[in-house]
Amino acid sequence: MYKVFVNEKKLSLTQLPELDVKHIKFDGAHSLEMAVDFLENTASDAINIYGENLGEIWNSFKSLFKQIEASGGVVYNQKKEILFIHRLGKWDLPKGKLEKGETIEENAVREVEEETGLKHLILGHFINETYHIYTERDGKKILKKTNWFKMLYEGNETPIPQIEEGIKEVSWKNNDMIKNDVLPKTFQNIKLILEEAAKSENL
């Protein structure tokens, strides 16, 4: 199963139909284009495309977009708080685009360091990947894949927001703050990856 968010609305690609949302059987790239258009131009918040060959559906879907890869981190401190950045009115996790020659692990650590000002991060395990679609100024649609890793920070430096990237604040959040402050003002992909990260207490 693949989940891709289009304007914070969920497009799921599965082998079997999801009966609780509008679902369409895969019938080539046209059905995928219809699904994206449906989410962009209606009030509905989810749609499902299904078919026996999930690999074929996914490859057909990817071929419709320019693809960009990025990596980021769910960073914990010794109090088990999580590090968030605040940008464009939303709470987010630090992340950024993969540079030529980088591994996704190197990419994740570099971007967290740059966006938060913290050094000497301990890289943990790979959590999962998320996908979303956005539109560039020239109208071109982009499929962005983000690879997420757990990280640990054991120092006591004060985080510094990367102002040139539009980051207004970097802040550690405990569970109550995440529930009451972050989750109402974040992205669907961030909610997903926080849920995935919470499944394992190990780094």
Protein backbone atom coordinates (compact mmCIF):
# COMPACT_ATOMS: atom_id res chain seq x y z
CA MET A 1 0.00 0.00 0.00
CA TYR A 2 1.13 3.52 -0.80
CA LYS A 3 -0.22 6.74 0.69
CA VAL A 4 0.35 10.03 -1.12
CA PHE A 5 -0.99 13.34 0.15
CA VAL A 6 -2.35 15.91 -2.29
CA ASN A 7 -3.14 19.22 -0.54
CA GLU A 8 -3.35 17.26 2.73
CA LYS A 9 -5.87 14.85 1.18
CA LYS A 10 -5.06 11.15 0.99
CA LEU A 11 -4.62 9.18 -2.22
CA SER A 12 -4.11 5.49 -1.40
CA LEU A 13 -2.88 2.88 -3.88
CA THR A 14 -3.80 -0.66 -2.88
CA GLN A 15 -4.42 -4.15 -4.22
CA LEU A 16 -7.91 -4.40 -2.72
CA PRO A 17 -10.49 -1.58 -2.65
CA GLU A 18 -10.85 0.51 0.50
CA LEU A 19 -14.59 0.39 0.99
CA ASP A 20 -14.82 3.32 3.41
CA VAL A 21 -13.70 5.89 0.79
CA LYS A 22 -14.39 6.56 -2.87
CA HIS A 23 -12.48 3.91 -4.83
CA ILE A 24 -11.64 3.44 -8.50
CA LYS A 25 -10.16 0.37 -10.17
CA PHE A 26 -6.82 1.08 -11.84
CA ASP A 27 -7.24 1.46 -15.60
CA GLY A 28 -3.97 3.02 -16.69
CA ALA A 29 -2.47 6.47 -16.03
CA HIS A 30 -5.78 8.16 -16.84
CA SER A 31 -7.40 6.79 -13.68
CA LEU A 32 -4.51 8.14 -11.60
CA GLU A 33 -4.74 11.58 -13.19
CA MET A 34 -8.48 11.57 -12.46
CA ALA A 35 -7.79 10.73 -8.81
CA VAL A 36 -5.34 13.62 -8.36
CA ASP A 37 -7.73 16.00 -10.10
CA PHE A 38 -10.57 14.77 -7.86
CA LEU A 39 -8.61 15.59 -4.70
CA GLU A 40 -7.47 18.96 -6.00
CA ASN A 41 -10.89 20.14 -7.16
CA THR A 42 -13.52 18.63 -4.86
CA ALA A 43 -14.27 18.78 -1.14
CA SER A 44 -13.54 15.07 -0.72
CA ASP A 45 -10.54 14.31 1.48
CA ALA A 46 -9.62 10.80 0.27
CA ILE A 47 -9.68 8.52 -2.76
CA ASN A 48 -8.43 4.99 -3.38
CA ILE A 49 -7.04 3.46 -6.58
CA TYR A 50 -6.79 -0.31 -6.48
CA GLY A 51 -5.60 -3.14 -8.70
CA GLU A 52 -3.90 -6.51 -8.52
CA ASN A 53 -0.47 -5.33 -9.66
CA LEU A 54 0.47 -2.69 -7.08
CA GLY A 55 3.96 -2.32 -8.55
CA GLU A 56 2.53 -1.42 -11.94
CA ILE A 57 0.16 1.12 -10.38
CA TRP A 58 2.97 2.76 -8.40
CA ASN A 59 5.33 2.94 -11.39
CA SER A 60 2.57 4.41 -13.54
CA PHE A 61 1.81 6.96 -10.83
CA LYS A 62 5.45 8.02 -10.44
CA SER A 63 5.80 8.50 -14.19
CA LEU A 64 3.25 11.34 -14.07
CA PHE A 65 5.50 13.60 -11.97
CA LYS A 66 8.94 15.07 -11.61
CA GLN A 67 10.36 13.31 -8.57
CA ILE A 68 12.36 14.83 -5.71
CA GLU A 69 13.90 12.95 -2.78
CA ALA A 70 14.56 14.33 0.70
CA SER A 71 15.40 13.07 4.18
CA GLY A 72 14.73 14.21 7.72
CA GLY A 73 14.72 13.25 11.35
CA VAL A 74 12.53 12.62 14.36
CA VAL A 75 15.03 13.88 16.94
CA TYR A 76 14.71 12.92 20.62
CA ASN A 77 16.53 14.40 23.59
CA GLN A 78 17.26 12.65 26.88
CA LYS A 79 13.84 13.73 28.21
CA LYS A 80 12.22 11.91 25.22
CA GLU A 81 10.98 15.23 23.84
CA ILE A 82 10.88 15.64 20.04
CA LEU A 83 12.43 18.53 18.12
CA PHE A 84 10.09 20.53 15.84
CA ILE A 85 10.55 23.48 13.54
CA HIS A 86 7.90 26.16 12.91
CA ARG A 87 7.59 27.43 9.34
CA LEU A 88 4.78 29.02 7.34
CA GLY A 89 2.39 28.75 10.27
CA LYS A 90 2.88 24.98 10.69
CA TRP A 91 4.86 22.73 12.99
CA ASP A 92 7.11 20.44 11.00
CA LEU A 93 10.05 18.08 11.40
CA PRO A 94 13.47 19.12 10.06
CA LYS A 95 14.14 17.76 6.59
CA GLY A 96 15.50 18.77 3.18
CA LYS A 97 16.45 17.72 -0.33
CA LEU A 98 19.00 15.06 -1.13
CA GLU A 99 22.17 16.46 -2.69
CA LYS A 100 24.15 14.72 -5.43
CA GLY A 101 26.47 12.08 -4.00
CA GLU A 102 24.79 11.98 -0.58
CA THR A 103 23.35 8.93 1.08
CA ILE A 104 19.90 9.37 2.61
CA GLU A 105 21.50 8.97 6.05
CA GLU A 106 24.00 11.78 5.38
CA ASN A 107 21.18 13.88 3.94
CA ALA A 108 19.02 13.44 7.04
CA VAL A 109 21.76 14.39 9.51
CA ARG A 110 22.95 17.37 7.45
CA GLU A 111 19.47 18.82 7.06
CA VAL A 112 18.62 18.46 10.74
CA GLU A 113 21.90 20.14 11.69
CA GLU A 114 21.36 22.99 9.23
CA GLU A 115 17.74 23.66 10.13
CA THR A 116 18.12 23.42 13.92
CA GLY A 117 21.75 24.39 14.57
CA LEU A 118 22.37 21.24 16.65
CA LYS A 119 25.52 19.17 16.10
CA HIS A 120 26.74 15.71 17.10
CA LEU A 121 23.44 13.96 16.45
CA ILE A 122 23.31 10.20 16.88
CA LEU A 123 21.67 8.57 13.87
CA GLY A 124 19.18 5.84 14.70
CA HIS A 125 17.13 3.48 12.57
CA PHE A 126 15.12 4.20 9.43
CA ILE A 127 11.46 4.79 10.29
CA ASN A 128 9.66 4.96 6.96
CA GLU A 129 9.15 7.15 3.92
CA THR A 130 6.33 9.58 3.14
CA TYR A 131 5.04 11.04 -0.12
CA HIS A 132 3.25 14.20 -1.08
CA ILE A 133 2.50 16.15 -4.23
CA TYR A 134 2.91 19.88 -4.62
CA THR A 135 2.85 22.30 -7.54
CA GLU A 136 5.77 24.55 -8.47
CA ARG A 137 5.32 28.15 -9.57
CA ASP A 138 5.54 27.10 -13.22
CA GLY A 139 2.62 24.71 -12.72
CA LYS A 140 4.73 21.54 -12.77
CA LYS A 141 3.57 18.90 -10.29
CA ILE A 142 6.23 17.35 -8.05
CA LEU A 143 6.14 14.00 -6.23
CA LYS A 144 8.32 14.37 -3.14
CA LYS A 145 9.58 11.34 -1.25
CA THR A 146 10.97 11.95 2.24
CA ASN A 147 13.04 9.34 4.11
CA TRP A 148 12.75 9.56 7.90
CA PHE A 149 15.19 8.46 10.59
CA LYS A 150 15.15 8.43 14.36
CA MET A 151 17.93 10.52 15.93
CA LEU A 152 19.17 11.24 19.44
CA TYR A 153 20.64 14.49 20.76
CA GLU A 154 22.49 14.26 24.07
CA GLY A 155 23.91 17.80 24.24
CA ASN A 156 22.58 20.95 25.86
CA GLU A 157 22.93 23.54 23.10
CA THR A 158 20.00 25.83 22.38
CA PRO A 159 18.49 25.09 18.93
CA ILE A 160 18.87 27.91 16.39
CA PRO A 161 16.32 28.23 13.54
CA GLN A 162 17.66 28.50 9.98
CA ILE A 163 16.08 31.87 9.23
CA GLU A 164 17.06 31.85 5.54
CA GLU A 165 14.88 28.75 5.10
CA GLY A 166 11.87 30.52 6.61
CA ILE A 167 12.11 28.72 9.96
CA LYS A 168 10.80 30.96 12.73
CA GLU A 169 11.30 28.69 15.73
CA VAL A 170 12.90 25.42 16.80
CA SER A 171 11.42 23.85 19.90
CA TRP A 172 11.48 20.65 21.95
CA LYS A 173 7.97 19.29 22.60
CA ASN A 174 6.81 16.74 25.16
CA ASN A 175 3.85 14.42 24.58
CA ASP A 176 1.25 16.85 25.91
CA MET A 177 2.65 19.70 23.81
CA ILE A 178 2.67 17.50 20.72
CA LYS A 179 -0.96 16.51 21.30
CA ASN A 180 -2.26 20.00 22.08
CA ASP A 181 0.02 22.29 20.08
CA VAL A 182 1.69 20.38 17.25
CA LEU A 183 -0.88 17.90 15.93
CA PRO A 184 -3.61 20.52 15.29
CA LYS A 185 -1.11 22.59 13.29
CA THR A 186 0.97 20.12 11.31
CA PHE A 187 0.84 18.04 8.12
CA GLN A 188 -0.74 14.62 7.59
CA ASN A 189 2.63 13.09 6.68
CA ILE A 190 4.12 14.35 9.95
CA LYS A 191 1.27 12.74 11.90
CA LEU A 192 1.96 9.47 10.09
CA ILE A 193 5.70 9.47 10.77
CA LEU A 194 5.22 10.40 14.44
CA GLU A 195 2.90 7.40 14.79
CA GLU A 196 5.49 5.17 13.12
CA ALA A 197 8.30 6.50 15.31
CA ALA A 198 6.27 5.88 18.48
CA LYS A 199 5.90 2.18 17.68
CA SER A 200 9.50 1.57 18.70
CA GLU A 201 11.11 2.98 21.83
CA ASN A 202 14.55 1.97 20.60
CA LEU A 203 16.77 4.33 18.64
